[in-house]
């Protein structure tokens, strides 16, 4: 490590990292637009300039993103000369930038907006009209480009070339005519396009699926883990006014996904945006509470009554088949094991085949977010086809966890022999002839716990959205059912 002095404070800096990184790691603010810690620095925006002096050399203003640290270097981030140069660069960037912050999707998390506010540049000195460029230009299925807002930081260009290794964007045109465009005006492709909106420091690149969905200051952000493959990318779950999940975004994690995430995980909002089933209805949305089959079919019931019915079905001989969902947390997996031991049987979990989305960056192609965690607990992975075959010969079965019915195939389960009785813990009750008891469970954004990713790292889940009223934590429900089964076994 190299010792340098920043604003009168001595800090240690990595000589392999640029000066701006050393400042940020020490909690010292230096503005930036073109610089991103995950990309090669280019020094195009010049907004990160600071005053540097070394040994007997006079102080000079340099771009911190393109300056290496050296032993004994003295840095002043707020020197008058550096501040003046940054203000001039900011004024240049604002010269052609549209004054549409109130309607821009980036408002509230825009670096240009924040720094302009901090510097107090409320008006420009030029009288020439702003340049007119294309607005709402589609770059494919994911991204919309507003050329007027672009400050040509080139982060998007470098991301395609350096991270995904598939160059698709370039800066075309010269001088005032320079714009971001795709090669040959072809639409963007790939599973990582959403990251372009994340790294864009202004509102030039935005997500089609998120545009005009929410104001970011109304979003509550909670750390969590992506559910769509076994990589376990660190993410934030963003909820609008405590009612609905509106966005998944990557959260920096140097051990797993750094700053990125794939579009498969980013746009997997459907399972956590299911509306509640209509009052009194069983099917057609999220199940809150429980339901039991009666003479007229499935009907709403109290949780206590449903637990009693489940005990009657599962407690009879021969022992039922017990299968969990790969979305179970480690804690829920332990609870399922304890329940299985009360029967007693060996529990397994549904393990779908590879998704075909595996790549060299993040996506493993394994749709089981907690495969390793459940396997280490002792639950055996069972492919859906094998599980359905076992179900066809079982007297009864207990299916537990988010999406467990979907992963096994609701249509296939509907074709099981009429003698197979099903007790299901899932987010919704599917119309299955053999379904006798069903309990609503939380989704992965409504519970806390841990998954273990493909590399053996424990990944956290936190409650980002309150579960519907009547939906209890799955561990609690399984523990109550296990106690009932143990009590019934002791009596018999």
Protein backbone atom coordinates (compact mmCIF):
# COMPACT_ATOMS: atom_id res chain seq x y z
CA UNK A 1 0.00 0.00 0.00
CA UNK A 2 1.07 3.59 -0.69
CA UNK A 3 0.64 6.49 1.76
CA UNK A 4 -0.80 9.72 0.39
CA UNK A 5 -2.33 12.81 1.99
CA UNK A 6 -5.83 13.86 0.96
CA UNK A 7 -7.32 17.06 2.35
CA UNK A 8 -4.75 17.03 5.15
CA UNK A 9 -5.47 13.41 6.12
CA UNK A 10 -3.00 10.60 5.53
CA UNK A 11 -4.54 7.50 3.95
CA UNK A 12 -3.27 4.23 2.49
CA UNK A 13 -4.00 3.61 -1.17
CA UNK A 14 -3.63 0.69 -3.55
CA UNK A 15 -1.02 1.74 -6.15
CA UNK A 16 -2.84 -0.41 -8.73
CA UNK A 17 -5.98 1.70 -8.42
CA UNK A 18 -6.48 5.28 -9.69
CA UNK A 19 -6.50 8.24 -7.33
CA UNK A 20 -10.29 8.60 -7.46
CA UNK A 21 -10.70 5.06 -6.12
CA UNK A 22 -8.37 5.85 -3.22
CA UNK A 23 -10.45 8.91 -2.36
CA UNK A 24 -13.73 7.04 -2.53
CA UNK A 25 -12.42 4.13 -0.45
CA UNK A 26 -11.42 6.66 2.21
CA UNK A 27 -14.89 8.22 2.20
CA UNK A 28 -13.76 11.39 0.39
CA UNK A 29 -16.18 12.60 -2.24
CA UNK A 30 -14.89 13.25 -5.75
CA UNK A 31 -17.58 13.65 -8.45
CA UNK A 32 -17.53 11.38 -11.49
CA UNK A 33 -19.49 10.62 -14.62
CA UNK A 34 -17.33 8.67 -17.05
CA UNK A 35 -15.47 6.79 -14.30
CA UNK A 36 -16.89 3.53 -12.98
CA UNK A 37 -14.89 1.22 -10.68
CA UNK A 38 -15.79 -1.79 -12.82
CA UNK A 39 -14.65 -0.24 -16.10
CA UNK A 40 -11.41 1.06 -17.59
CA UNK A 41 -11.03 4.81 -16.82
CA UNK A 42 -10.95 7.10 -19.86
CA UNK A 43 -11.02 10.62 -18.38
CA UNK A 44 -13.55 11.98 -20.86
CA UNK A 45 -15.91 13.97 -18.61
CA UNK A 46 -13.12 15.74 -16.62
CA UNK A 47 -15.47 16.30 -13.68
CA UNK A 48 -13.20 14.43 -11.25
CA UNK A 49 -10.32 16.94 -11.36
CA UNK A 50 -8.43 17.59 -8.13
CA UNK A 51 -5.28 19.48 -7.18
CA UNK A 52 -2.17 17.33 -6.74
CA UNK A 53 1.36 18.19 -5.64
CA UNK A 54 4.38 15.91 -5.36
CA UNK A 55 7.73 16.64 -3.74
CA UNK A 56 8.91 20.09 -4.88
CA UNK A 57 6.66 20.28 -7.93
CA UNK A 58 4.03 23.06 -8.02
CA UNK A 59 0.37 21.97 -7.53
CA UNK A 60 -1.47 21.02 -10.70
CA UNK A 61 -5.04 20.11 -11.50
CA UNK A 62 -5.44 16.55 -12.83
CA UNK A 63 -8.23 14.09 -13.58
CA UNK A 64 -8.32 11.76 -10.57
CA UNK A 65 -9.56 8.80 -12.61
CA UNK A 66 -6.47 8.88 -14.85
CA UNK A 67 -3.90 9.64 -12.15
CA UNK A 68 -1.97 6.92 -10.35
CA UNK A 69 -1.19 7.28 -6.66
CA UNK A 70 2.44 7.80 -5.66
CA UNK A 71 4.20 7.81 -2.31
CA UNK A 72 4.05 11.21 -0.63
CA UNK A 73 1.42 12.62 -2.97
CA UNK A 74 -0.63 15.50 -1.54
CA UNK A 75 -4.18 15.92 -2.82
CA UNK A 76 -6.66 18.74 -2.30
CA UNK A 77 -10.12 17.83 -3.60
CA UNK A 78 -11.64 21.20 -2.63
CA UNK A 79 -8.83 23.51 -3.74
CA UNK A 80 -10.23 26.70 -5.37
CA UNK A 81 -8.56 25.95 -8.69
CA UNK A 82 -9.93 22.39 -8.79
CA UNK A 83 -13.43 23.53 -7.89
CA UNK A 84 -13.38 26.18 -10.59
CA UNK A 85 -12.26 23.70 -13.24
CA UNK A 86 -15.00 21.27 -12.18
CA UNK A 87 -17.61 24.04 -12.36
CA UNK A 88 -16.51 24.86 -15.88
CA UNK A 89 -16.79 21.20 -16.91
CA UNK A 90 -20.21 21.00 -15.30
CA UNK A 91 -21.38 24.10 -17.14
CA UNK A 92 -20.19 22.58 -20.40
CA UNK A 93 -22.09 19.34 -19.72
CA UNK A 94 -25.25 21.30 -18.89
CA UNK A 95 -24.99 23.43 -22.03
CA UNK A 96 -27.03 21.03 -24.15
CA UNK A 97 -28.66 18.94 -21.46
CA UNK A 98 -32.48 19.24 -21.55
CA UNK A 99 -34.29 20.84 -18.64
CA UNK A 100 -36.70 17.94 -18.21
CA UNK A 101 -35.77 16.65 -14.74
CA UNK A 102 -39.45 16.58 -13.62
CA UNK A 103 -40.32 13.97 -16.27
CA UNK A 104 -37.02 12.08 -16.35
CA UNK A 105 -37.00 8.55 -14.93
CA UNK A 106 -33.53 9.15 -13.53
CA UNK A 107 -34.66 12.07 -11.37
CA UNK A 108 -33.80 11.37 -7.77
CA UNK A 109 -30.80 9.18 -8.58
CA UNK A 110 -29.12 11.22 -11.33
CA UNK A 111 -25.46 12.11 -10.69
CA UNK A 112 -25.66 15.15 -12.96
CA UNK A 113 -28.76 16.44 -11.20
CA UNK A 114 -27.20 15.92 -7.76
CA UNK A 115 -23.90 17.60 -8.57
CA UNK A 116 -25.58 20.48 -10.36
CA UNK A 117 -27.72 21.06 -7.28
CA UNK A 118 -24.71 20.88 -4.97
CA UNK A 119 -22.77 23.37 -7.08
CA UNK A 120 -25.70 25.75 -7.37
CA UNK A 121 -25.55 26.15 -11.15
CA UNK A 122 -29.14 27.13 -11.65
CA UNK A 123 -28.74 28.98 -14.95
CA UNK A 124 -26.48 29.02 -17.98
CA UNK A 125 -24.66 31.94 -19.57
CA UNK A 126 -25.05 30.98 -23.23
CA UNK A 127 -27.90 32.13 -25.45
CA UNK A 128 -27.48 29.61 -28.27
CA UNK A 129 -30.28 27.01 -28.52
CA UNK A 130 -29.68 23.51 -27.24
CA UNK A 131 -28.93 20.92 -29.89
CA UNK A 132 -31.89 18.83 -31.01
CA UNK A 133 -31.40 15.08 -30.98
CA UNK A 134 -33.61 12.00 -31.01
CA UNK A 135 -35.74 11.21 -27.99
CA UNK A 136 -37.20 7.80 -27.02
CA UNK A 137 -35.02 5.88 -29.45
CA UNK A 138 -35.51 2.15 -28.98
CA UNK A 139 -32.32 0.10 -28.68
CA UNK A 140 -34.11 -3.24 -28.49
CA UNK A 141 -36.44 -4.98 -26.07
CA UNK A 142 -34.86 -3.60 -22.89
CA UNK A 143 -33.36 -0.11 -23.34
CA UNK A 144 -34.63 3.27 -24.53
CA UNK A 145 -32.09 5.96 -25.49
CA UNK A 146 -32.72 9.69 -25.10
CA UNK A 147 -29.89 11.24 -27.10
CA UNK A 148 -30.55 14.72 -25.73
CA UNK A 149 -29.75 13.64 -22.19
CA UNK A 150 -26.57 11.72 -23.06
CA UNK A 151 -23.30 13.29 -21.85
CA UNK A 152 -21.13 10.84 -23.85
CA UNK A 153 -19.45 9.37 -20.78
CA UNK A 154 -19.04 6.10 -22.79
CA UNK A 155 -19.74 3.86 -19.79
CA UNK A 156 -22.24 1.89 -21.87
CA UNK A 157 -19.74 1.41 -24.68
CA UNK A 158 -17.07 0.14 -22.31
CA UNK A 159 -19.51 -2.15 -20.49
CA UNK A 160 -20.35 -3.99 -23.70
CA UNK A 161 -16.71 -4.34 -24.69
CA UNK A 162 -15.16 -5.09 -21.29
CA UNK A 163 -17.79 -6.88 -19.19
CA UNK A 164 -19.99 -8.85 -21.59
CA UNK A 165 -17.17 -9.04 -24.17
CA UNK A 166 -19.70 -8.33 -26.94
CA UNK A 167 -19.20 -4.81 -28.31
CA UNK A 168 -22.55 -3.50 -29.51
CA UNK A 169 -22.40 0.24 -28.82
CA UNK A 170 -20.15 3.00 -30.11
CA UNK A 171 -19.83 6.77 -30.17
CA UNK A 172 -20.71 7.71 -33.74
CA UNK A 173 -20.42 11.11 -35.39
CA UNK A 174 -17.93 13.90 -34.72
CA UNK A 175 -17.92 16.90 -32.40
CA UNK A 176 -21.37 18.26 -31.61
CA UNK A 177 -22.86 15.49 -33.76
CA UNK A 178 -21.49 12.66 -31.58
CA UNK A 179 -24.13 10.25 -30.27
CA UNK A 180 -24.31 6.76 -28.79
CA UNK A 181 -25.54 4.21 -31.31
CA UNK A 182 -25.47 0.51 -32.03
CA UNK A 183 -23.39 -0.96 -34.82
CA UNK A 184 -25.45 -0.80 -38.00
CA UNK A 185 -28.47 0.36 -35.95
CA UNK A 186 -29.03 -3.24 -34.94
CA UNK A 187 -31.01 -3.80 -31.71
CA UNK A 188 -29.10 -4.72 -28.57
CA UNK A 189 -29.03 -8.39 -27.63
CA UNK A 190 -27.88 -10.38 -24.63
CA UNK A 191 -28.90 -11.13 -21.06
CA UNK A 192 -27.15 -8.14 -19.43
CA UNK A 193 -28.69 -5.11 -21.15
CA UNK A 194 -30.34 -3.83 -17.98
CA UNK A 195 -26.94 -2.97 -16.53
CA UNK A 196 -26.66 -0.19 -19.11
CA UNK A 197 -29.45 1.71 -17.34
CA UNK A 198 -27.72 1.16 -13.98
CA UNK A 199 -24.36 2.55 -15.04
CA UNK A 200 -25.72 5.47 -17.08
CA UNK A 201 -25.09 8.48 -14.79
CA UNK A 202 -27.94 10.47 -16.34
CA UNK A 203 -31.35 9.64 -17.85
CA UNK A 204 -30.09 8.77 -21.31
CA UNK A 205 -30.49 4.99 -21.01
CA UNK A 206 -33.61 3.80 -19.23
CA UNK A 207 -35.45 0.50 -18.85
CA UNK A 208 -38.55 0.08 -20.97
CA UNK A 209 -40.23 -2.03 -18.30
CA UNK A 210 -39.59 0.48 -15.51
CA UNK A 211 -40.27 3.75 -17.34
CA UNK A 212 -42.92 5.81 -15.55
CA UNK A 213 -43.62 3.02 -13.06
CA UNK A 214 -42.43 4.83 -9.92
CA UNK A 215 -40.53 7.79 -8.58
CA UNK A 216 -37.35 6.48 -7.00
CA UNK A 217 -37.82 8.49 -3.79
CA UNK A 218 -41.01 6.49 -3.16
CA UNK A 219 -39.12 3.19 -3.36
CA UNK A 220 -37.98 1.49 -0.16
CA UNK A 221 -34.80 -0.50 -0.82
CA UNK A 222 -33.95 -3.74 0.98
CA UNK A 223 -30.89 -5.91 0.46
CA UNK A 224 -31.58 -9.43 -0.73
CA UNK A 225 -30.41 -12.17 -3.10
CA UNK A 226 -31.49 -12.94 -6.66
CA UNK A 227 -33.70 -16.02 -6.90
CA UNK A 228 -33.31 -16.97 -10.56
CA UNK A 229 -30.15 -19.10 -10.49
CA UNK A 230 -27.66 -20.63 -8.08
CA UNK A 231 -25.17 -17.75 -8.40
CA UNK A 232 -26.96 -15.83 -5.67
CA UNK A 233 -26.26 -12.32 -6.94
CA UNK A 234 -26.54 -9.57 -4.35
CA UNK A 235 -29.49 -7.32 -5.17
CA UNK A 236 -31.77 -4.68 -3.73
CA UNK A 237 -35.52 -5.21 -3.74
CA UNK A 238 -37.30 -1.90 -4.32
CA UNK A 239 -40.90 -1.63 -3.13
CA UNK A 240 -43.29 1.18 -4.00
CA UNK A 241 -45.01 2.60 -0.91
CA UNK A 242 -44.99 -0.77 0.83
CA UNK A 243 -47.38 -2.29 -1.71
CA UNK A 244 -45.60 -3.76 -4.73
CA UNK A 245 -42.11 -4.74 -5.82
CA UNK A 246 -41.17 -2.48 -8.71
CA UNK A 247 -37.51 -3.15 -9.32
CA UNK A 248 -34.65 -5.56 -8.70
CA UNK A 249 -31.20 -3.99 -9.00
CA UNK A 250 -27.69 -5.35 -8.46
CA UNK A 251 -25.95 -4.62 -5.17
CA UNK A 252 -22.16 -4.50 -5.12
CA UNK A 253 -20.63 -7.76 -3.88
CA UNK A 254 -16.97 -8.37 -4.75
CA UNK A 255 -17.26 -12.11 -4.04
CA UNK A 256 -20.21 -12.86 -6.29
CA UNK A 257 -21.54 -10.42 -8.88
CA UNK A 258 -19.57 -7.20 -8.31
CA UNK A 259 -21.83 -4.45 -9.80
CA UNK A 260 -23.85 -6.54 -12.26
CA UNK A 261 -26.81 -8.88 -12.65
CA UNK A 262 -28.45 -10.62 -15.59
CA UNK A 263 -31.78 -9.58 -17.11
CA UNK A 264 -33.35 -12.93 -16.18
CA UNK A 265 -33.04 -12.01 -12.52
CA UNK A 266 -33.69 -8.30 -13.01
CA UNK A 267 -37.08 -8.76 -14.64
CA UNK A 268 -38.30 -11.77 -12.61
CA UNK A 269 -41.06 -9.69 -11.04
CA UNK A 270 -44.04 -11.84 -12.01
CA UNK A 271 -43.82 -14.33 -9.11
CA UNK A 272 -43.67 -11.52 -6.53
CA UNK A 273 -46.36 -9.32 -8.11
CA UNK A 274 -49.25 -11.80 -8.03
CA UNK A 275 -52.46 -10.05 -6.97
CA UNK A 276 -54.45 -11.48 -4.08
CA UNK A 277 -57.22 -13.87 -4.97
CA UNK A 278 -60.66 -12.27 -4.84
CA UNK A 279 -62.45 -12.29 -1.51
CA UNK A 280 -63.76 -15.78 -0.83
CA UNK A 281 -62.03 -17.23 -3.91
CA UNK A 282 -59.39 -19.93 -3.78
CA UNK A 283 -57.92 -19.74 -7.26
CA UNK A 284 -56.81 -16.80 -9.39
CA UNK A 285 -54.09 -15.16 -7.30
CA UNK A 286 -52.10 -15.23 -4.08
CA UNK A 287 -53.52 -17.48 -1.41
CA UNK A 288 -53.77 -15.82 1.99
CA UNK A 289 -54.51 -18.30 4.76
CA UNK A 290 -55.51 -21.86 3.95
CA UNK A 291 -58.10 -23.93 2.14
CA UNK A 292 -59.48 -27.45 2.60
CA UNK A 293 -61.43 -29.68 0.23
CA UNK A 294 -65.04 -30.16 1.22
CA UNK A 295 -68.13 -31.58 -0.48
CA UNK A 296 -68.23 -28.60 -2.84
CA UNK A 297 -64.50 -28.56 -3.61
CA UNK A 298 -61.72 -26.42 -2.17
CA UNK A 299 -62.93 -23.74 0.20
CA UNK A 300 -61.34 -21.26 2.57
CA UNK A 301 -60.67 -22.57 6.06
CA UNK A 302 -58.89 -21.51 9.22
CA UNK A 303 -55.24 -22.42 9.48
CA UNK A 304 -55.97 -24.60 12.52
CA UNK A 305 -58.61 -26.55 10.61
CA UNK A 306 -56.28 -26.94 7.64
CA UNK A 307 -53.44 -28.18 9.86
CA UNK A 308 -55.79 -30.73 11.38
CA UNK A 309 -56.86 -31.94 7.92
CA UNK A 310 -53.20 -32.15 6.82
CA UNK A 311 -52.36 -34.21 9.88
CA UNK A 312 -55.14 -36.69 9.06
CA UNK A 313 -53.89 -37.09 5.48
CA UNK A 314 -50.18 -37.29 6.20
CA UNK A 315 -50.35 -39.29 9.43
CA UNK A 316 -51.89 -42.42 7.86
CA UNK A 317 -49.82 -45.33 6.55
CA UNK A 318 -47.96 -45.75 4.27
CA UNK A 319 -45.77 -42.68 4.77
CA UNK A 320 -46.29 -39.83 2.29
CA UNK A 321 -43.80 -38.42 -0.20
CA UNK A 322 -42.22 -35.16 1.04
CA UNK A 323 -40.80 -32.69 -1.49
CA UNK A 324 -39.67 -29.12 -1.01
CA UNK A 325 -39.02 -26.24 -3.37
CA UNK A 326 -35.49 -25.16 -4.34
CA UNK A 327 -36.58 -21.71 -3.10
CA UNK A 328 -36.67 -22.92 0.50
CA UNK A 329 -34.19 -21.15 2.74
CA UNK A 330 -31.74 -23.10 4.85
CA UNK A 331 -33.94 -22.40 7.86
CA UNK A 332 -37.07 -23.62 6.07
CA UNK A 333 -35.17 -26.70 4.90
CA UNK A 334 -34.37 -27.60 8.50
CA UNK A 335 -38.03 -27.20 9.44
CA UNK A 336 -39.03 -29.47 6.55
CA UNK A 337 -36.51 -32.08 7.70
CA UNK A 338 -37.92 -31.99 11.20
CA UNK A 339 -41.42 -32.49 9.83
CA UNK A 340 -40.27 -35.37 7.62
CA UNK A 341 -38.63 -36.99 10.64
CA UNK A 342 -41.97 -36.92 12.44
CA UNK A 343 -43.58 -39.04 9.71
CA UNK A 344 -40.82 -40.57 9.39
CA UNK A 345 -39.58 -40.24 5.80
CA UNK A 346 -36.61 -38.75 3.92
CA UNK A 347 -37.34 -35.36 2.37
CA UNK A 348 -36.21 -34.22 -1.06
CA UNK A 349 -36.52 -31.07 -3.13
CA UNK A 350 -37.55 -30.42 -6.71
CA UNK A 351 -34.48 -29.74 -8.87
CA UNK A 352 -35.42 -28.61 -12.40
CA UNK A 353 -32.98 -29.28 -15.27
CA UNK A 354 -30.62 -26.50 -16.47
CA UNK A 355 -32.38 -23.50 -17.97
CA UNK A 356 -30.05 -23.10 -20.94
CA UNK A 357 -29.12 -19.57 -19.81
CA UNK A 358 -25.67 -20.42 -18.48
CA UNK A 359 -22.93 -18.01 -19.53
CA UNK A 360 -19.35 -17.09 -18.67
CA UNK A 361 -20.32 -14.04 -16.61
CA UNK A 362 -22.91 -14.73 -13.89
CA UNK A 363 -25.83 -16.96 -14.82
CA UNK A 364 -25.15 -20.59 -13.87
CA UNK A 365 -28.15 -21.98 -15.76
CA UNK A 366 -29.23 -23.77 -12.56
CA UNK A 367 -32.71 -22.48 -11.58
CA UNK A 368 -32.32 -23.70 -7.98
CA UNK A 369 -31.13 -20.76 -5.84
CA UNK A 370 -30.54 -22.95 -2.77
CA UNK A 371 -29.52 -26.26 -4.35
CA UNK A 372 -26.27 -26.40 -2.41
CA UNK A 373 -27.80 -25.31 0.89
CA UNK A 374 -30.59 -27.91 0.76
CA UNK A 375 -28.22 -30.64 -0.42
CA UNK A 376 -25.85 -29.92 2.45
CA UNK A 377 -28.79 -30.26 4.86
CA UNK A 378 -29.39 -33.76 3.52
CA UNK A 379 -32.37 -33.17 1.23
CA UNK A 380 -31.97 -35.08 -2.01
CA UNK A 381 -32.49 -33.31 -5.36
CA UNK A 382 -35.24 -34.85 -7.50
CA UNK A 383 -35.91 -33.86 -11.10
CA UNK A 384 -39.54 -33.00 -11.89
CA UNK A 385 -40.08 -36.04 -14.12
CA UNK A 386 -38.79 -38.41 -11.44
CA UNK A 387 -40.85 -36.61 -8.80
CA UNK A 388 -44.04 -36.97 -10.84
CA UNK A 389 -43.32 -40.68 -11.33
CA UNK A 390 -42.93 -41.12 -7.58
CA UNK A 391 -46.09 -39.12 -6.94
CA UNK A 392 -48.10 -41.39 -9.25
CA UNK A 393 -47.45 -44.36 -6.97
CA UNK A 394 -47.73 -42.54 -3.63
CA UNK A 395 -50.72 -42.59 -1.33
CA UNK A 396 -50.21 -38.98 -0.29
CA UNK A 397 -47.65 -36.25 -0.73
CA UNK A 398 -46.53 -33.06 1.00
CA UNK A 399 -45.29 -30.36 -1.40
CA UNK A 400 -43.68 -27.37 0.26
CA UNK A 401 -42.43 -23.97 -0.88
CA UNK A 402 -42.72 -21.14 -3.35
CA UNK A 403 -43.37 -22.28 -6.97
CA UNK A 404 -43.25 -25.97 -6.01
CA UNK A 405 -46.44 -26.73 -7.94
CA UNK A 406 -45.26 -24.78 -10.99
CA UNK A 407 -41.88 -26.51 -11.01
CA UNK A 408 -43.52 -29.94 -10.88
CA UNK A 409 -45.99 -28.90 -13.60
CA UNK A 410 -49.56 -28.04 -12.62
CA UNK A 411 -50.97 -29.74 -15.74
CA UNK A 412 -49.03 -32.93 -15.04
CA UNK A 413 -50.09 -32.93 -11.38
CA UNK A 414 -53.70 -32.60 -12.51
CA UNK A 415 -53.29 -35.94 -14.30
CA UNK A 416 -52.19 -37.88 -11.22
CA UNK A 417 -54.35 -40.83 -10.10
CA UNK A 418 -57.38 -39.73 -8.10
CA UNK A 419 -56.17 -41.76 -5.11
CA UNK A 420 -53.11 -39.48 -4.56
CA UNK A 421 -53.92 -36.90 -1.88
CA UNK A 422 -51.90 -33.68 -1.87
CA UNK A 423 -51.07 -31.26 0.93
CA UNK A 424 -49.41 -28.19 -0.56
CA UNK A 425 -47.67 -25.13 0.88
CA UNK A 426 -47.41 -22.68 -2.02
CA UNK A 427 -48.11 -19.05 -2.88
CA UNK A 428 -51.31 -20.01 -4.69
CA UNK A 429 -53.75 -22.90 -4.87
CA UNK A 430 -53.76 -24.55 -8.29
CA UNK A 431 -56.85 -26.34 -9.54
CA UNK A 432 -55.70 -29.92 -8.91
CA UNK A 433 -58.17 -32.80 -8.42
CA UNK A 434 -55.98 -34.38 -5.74
CA UNK A 435 -55.36 -31.18 -3.78
CA UNK A 436 -56.99 -31.61 -0.38
CA UNK A 437 -55.24 -28.96 1.73
CA UNK A 438 -53.30 -25.86 0.69
CA UNK A 439 -51.54 -23.18 2.74
CA UNK A 440 -50.35 -19.78 1.50
CA UNK A 441 -46.64 -19.09 2.00
CA UNK A 442 -44.41 -16.02 1.65
CA UNK A 443 -42.43 -15.33 -1.51
CA UNK A 444 -38.67 -14.82 -1.30
CA UNK A 445 -39.11 -11.05 -0.91
CA UNK A 446 -41.45 -11.56 2.06
CA UNK A 447 -39.19 -13.64 4.29
CA UNK A 448 -35.79 -13.63 5.93
CA UNK A 449 -33.23 -16.40 5.93
CA UNK A 450 -30.31 -17.65 3.88
CA UNK A 451 -29.52 -19.47 0.69
CA UNK A 452 -26.15 -21.07 -0.07
CA UNK A 453 -24.91 -20.26 -3.55
CA UNK A 454 -23.02 -22.43 -5.99
CA UNK A 455 -19.71 -21.32 -4.46
CA UNK A 456 -20.75 -22.22 -0.91
CA UNK A 457 -21.36 -18.63 0.26
CA UNK A 458 -24.34 -17.89 2.51
CA UNK A 459 -26.54 -15.32 0.80
CA UNK A 460 -29.02 -13.25 2.87
CA UNK A 461 -32.73 -12.73 2.35
CA UNK A 462 -34.54 -9.94 4.19
CA UNK A 463 -38.19 -8.97 4.36
CA UNK A 464 -38.74 -6.29 1.74
CA UNK A 465 -42.52 -6.55 1.52
CA UNK A 466 -45.02 -7.65 4.14
CA UNK A 467 -46.70 -10.96 3.32
CA UNK A 468 -50.48 -10.85 2.83
CA UNK A 469 -52.51 -11.01 6.02
CA UNK A 470 -53.00 -14.63 7.00
CA UNK A 471 -49.71 -15.84 5.50
CA UNK A 472 -47.45 -17.09 8.30
CA UNK A 473 -43.69 -17.77 8.04
CA UNK A 474 -43.21 -21.20 6.52
CA UNK A 475 -40.98 -22.41 9.37
CA UNK A 476 -43.78 -21.64 11.82
CA UNK A 477 -46.40 -23.56 9.83
CA UNK A 478 -44.12 -26.56 9.32
CA UNK A 479 -43.20 -26.64 13.00
CA UNK A 480 -46.87 -26.62 14.01
CA UNK A 481 -47.68 -29.43 11.59
CA UNK A 482 -44.67 -31.45 12.79
CA UNK A 483 -45.85 -31.06 16.39
CA UNK A 484 -49.34 -32.26 15.47
CA UNK A 485 -47.91 -35.29 13.64
CA UNK A 486 -45.60 -36.12 16.57
CA UNK A 487 -48.50 -35.88 19.01
CA UNK A 488 -50.68 -38.08 16.82
CA UNK A 489 -47.86 -40.61 16.48
CA UNK A 490 -47.35 -40.73 20.23
CA UNK A 491 -51.05 -41.35 20.81
CA UNK A 492 -51.17 -44.18 18.28
